[in-house]
Amino acid sequence: MNVSSSNRKSRKRRGPMAEINVVPYIDVTFVLLMIFMITAPLVQTGVDVDLPQAEAEQVDIQDQTPVIVSIKKDGSFYLNIGGNDEEAEMPIDEEILVTRVAAVFKNNPKAQLYVRGDHEVDYGSIVKVMVELKKTGAPKVGLMTSPPPESK
């Protein structure tokens, strides 16, 4: 009889728990985190552009003159291939620009391509040109900037 009375005393009635079980919430949060981590790189859209920093060092030209596309504030395009200054001073049509850049990358796929735009040119115009240039086969399209003025 001793045994049965001790069992009754050790089994106390448990009341309702006042704590929240957070383990299922942690599991759901972990699964959502994993889904976002996996899908985020797949959802990226846009043009791959290496934007220079404000105080960046000068870019290495790799023993060849880069292709430079300039856009003036009036929307005119200029193309400089191989350092030819005469050609760089004449405005060029957008279709001809894309055709010539495509020919450059067909002959030299490792050529470097930079876009230099006036600070008053609409950003959408620069992006549009960069997309068209990217379609020509250019592996990267870089942006040229001027270094900021030195403050005294």
Protein backbone atom coordinates (compact mmCIF):
# COMPACT_ATOMS: atom_id res chain seq x y z
CA MET A 1 0.00 0.00 0.00
CA ASN A 2 2.85 2.28 0.45
CA VAL A 3 3.69 2.07 -3.20
CA SER A 4 0.29 3.11 -4.42
CA SER A 5 0.04 6.08 -2.11
CA SER A 6 3.48 7.39 -3.18
CA ASN A 7 2.49 7.16 -6.86
CA ARG A 8 -0.52 9.28 -6.19
CA LYS A 9 1.54 11.92 -4.48
CA SER A 10 4.21 12.06 -7.23
CA ARG A 11 1.60 12.51 -9.95
CA LYS A 12 0.46 16.03 -9.52
CA ARG A 13 -2.06 17.55 -11.79
CA ARG A 14 -0.50 19.88 -14.27
CA GLY A 15 -2.21 23.16 -14.94
CA PRO A 16 -2.25 25.06 -18.23
CA MET A 17 1.13 26.32 -19.40
CA ALA A 18 1.53 30.09 -19.64
CA GLU A 19 4.51 29.88 -22.04
CA ILE A 20 4.36 30.08 -25.83
CA ASN A 21 6.03 27.26 -27.72
CA VAL A 22 8.31 29.11 -30.20
CA VAL A 23 9.94 26.08 -31.81
CA PRO A 24 7.42 25.88 -34.71
CA TYR A 25 7.89 29.62 -35.36
CA ILE A 26 11.66 29.19 -35.50
CA ASP A 27 11.26 26.33 -37.99
CA VAL A 28 8.97 28.36 -40.25
CA THR A 29 11.28 31.38 -40.08
CA PHE A 30 14.28 29.23 -41.00
CA VAL A 31 12.45 27.73 -44.00
CA LEU A 32 11.42 31.19 -45.22
CA LEU A 33 14.96 32.47 -44.80
CA MET A 34 16.31 29.58 -46.87
CA ILE A 35 13.72 30.19 -49.61
CA PHE A 36 14.63 33.90 -49.83
CA MET A 37 18.36 33.16 -49.84
CA ILE A 38 17.98 30.72 -52.72
CA THR A 39 15.59 32.78 -54.85
CA ALA A 40 17.12 36.26 -54.38
CA PRO A 41 20.03 35.79 -56.83
CA LEU A 42 17.66 34.34 -59.43
CA VAL A 43 15.35 37.36 -59.39
CA GLN A 44 17.98 40.01 -60.16
CA THR A 45 17.38 41.98 -63.34
CA GLY A 46 19.29 44.74 -65.03
CA VAL A 47 22.63 45.35 -66.63
CA ASP A 48 25.86 44.13 -65.08
CA VAL A 49 27.80 47.31 -64.46
CA ASP A 50 30.97 47.90 -62.48
CA LEU A 51 30.30 51.30 -60.97
CA PRO A 52 33.41 53.19 -59.90
CA GLN A 53 33.76 54.51 -56.37
CA ALA A 54 34.04 58.22 -55.75
CA GLU A 55 37.75 58.05 -54.97
CA ALA A 56 38.69 55.01 -57.04
CA GLU A 57 42.11 54.32 -58.44
CA GLN A 58 42.72 54.58 -62.16
CA VAL A 59 41.60 51.55 -64.19
CA ASP A 60 44.29 49.33 -65.75
CA ILE A 61 43.97 49.51 -69.54
CA GLN A 62 45.66 46.12 -70.13
CA ASP A 63 48.00 47.23 -72.96
CA GLN A 64 45.17 48.24 -75.29
CA THR A 65 43.15 51.38 -75.83
CA PRO A 66 39.55 51.00 -74.60
CA VAL A 67 36.42 51.73 -76.59
CA ILE A 68 34.83 54.89 -75.18
CA VAL A 69 31.25 55.93 -75.93
CA SER A 70 30.53 59.54 -74.99
CA ILE A 71 27.09 61.08 -74.58
CA LYS A 72 26.76 64.85 -74.54
CA LYS A 73 23.95 66.71 -72.81
CA ASP A 74 22.13 67.28 -76.12
CA GLY A 75 21.90 63.47 -76.57
CA SER A 76 24.50 63.12 -79.31
CA PHE A 77 26.80 60.07 -79.30
CA TYR A 78 30.52 59.95 -79.95
CA LEU A 79 32.69 56.86 -80.38
CA ASN A 80 36.41 56.64 -79.70
CA ILE A 81 38.00 53.38 -80.86
CA GLY A 82 41.73 53.00 -80.47
CA GLY A 83 42.49 56.59 -79.54
CA ASN A 84 41.51 58.05 -82.93
CA ASP A 85 40.79 61.67 -81.96
CA GLU A 86 39.39 62.73 -85.38
CA GLU A 87 36.73 60.05 -85.24
CA ALA A 88 35.93 60.81 -81.59
CA GLU A 89 34.98 64.41 -82.41
CA MET A 90 32.28 63.53 -84.96
CA PRO A 91 28.75 62.73 -83.73
CA ILE A 92 27.45 59.28 -84.65
CA ASP A 93 23.98 57.76 -84.97
CA GLU A 94 22.92 55.19 -82.32
CA GLU A 95 22.46 52.34 -84.85
CA ILE A 96 25.89 52.95 -86.36
CA LEU A 97 27.36 53.16 -82.86
CA VAL A 98 25.96 49.74 -81.93
CA THR A 99 27.11 48.23 -85.24
CA ARG A 100 30.67 49.51 -84.85
CA VAL A 101 30.95 48.39 -81.23
CA ALA A 102 29.63 44.94 -82.21
CA ALA A 103 32.35 44.75 -84.89
CA VAL A 104 35.01 45.66 -82.33
CA PHE A 105 33.90 42.88 -79.96
CA LYS A 106 33.63 40.39 -82.80
CA ASN A 107 37.32 40.98 -83.62
CA ASN A 108 38.49 41.48 -80.02
CA PRO A 109 36.17 39.95 -77.36
CA LYS A 110 38.48 41.13 -74.54
CA ALA A 111 38.25 44.82 -75.44
CA GLN A 112 37.23 47.18 -72.66
CA LEU A 113 34.13 49.34 -73.11
CA TYR A 114 33.38 52.52 -71.15
CA VAL A 115 30.48 54.96 -71.27
CA ARG A 116 31.19 58.60 -70.49
CA GLY A 117 28.12 60.79 -70.07
CA ASP A 118 27.68 64.45 -69.31
CA HIS A 119 26.35 65.06 -65.79
CA GLU A 120 23.22 66.68 -67.28
CA VAL A 121 22.32 63.67 -69.45
CA ASP A 122 19.18 61.81 -68.40
CA TYR A 123 20.08 58.63 -66.50
CA GLY A 124 17.55 56.65 -68.53
CA SER A 125 19.36 57.55 -71.75
CA ILE A 126 22.66 56.26 -70.37
CA VAL A 127 21.07 53.01 -69.20
CA LYS A 128 19.37 52.55 -72.60
CA VAL A 129 22.71 52.92 -74.40
CA MET A 130 24.40 50.57 -71.93
CA VAL A 131 21.76 47.89 -72.57
CA GLU A 132 22.24 48.22 -76.34
CA LEU A 133 26.02 48.02 -75.93
CA LYS A 134 25.70 44.97 -73.69
CA LYS A 135 23.75 43.23 -76.48
CA THR A 136 26.75 43.66 -78.82
CA GLY A 137 28.71 41.05 -76.87
CA ALA A 138 30.60 43.30 -74.50
CA PRO A 139 31.38 41.29 -71.35
CA LYS A 140 31.38 44.44 -69.18
CA VAL A 141 30.29 48.01 -69.67
CA GLY A 142 32.01 50.47 -67.34
CA LEU A 143 31.13 54.03 -66.44
CA MET A 144 33.74 56.78 -66.57
CA THR A 145 33.72 59.52 -63.97
CA SER A 146 35.84 62.49 -63.00
CA PRO A 147 37.50 62.52 -59.62
CA PRO A 148 35.76 64.77 -57.10
CA PRO A 149 37.32 68.18 -56.49
CA GLU A 150 39.76 68.25 -53.63
CA SER A 151 38.41 70.04 -50.58
CA LYS A 152 40.77 72.32 -48.70
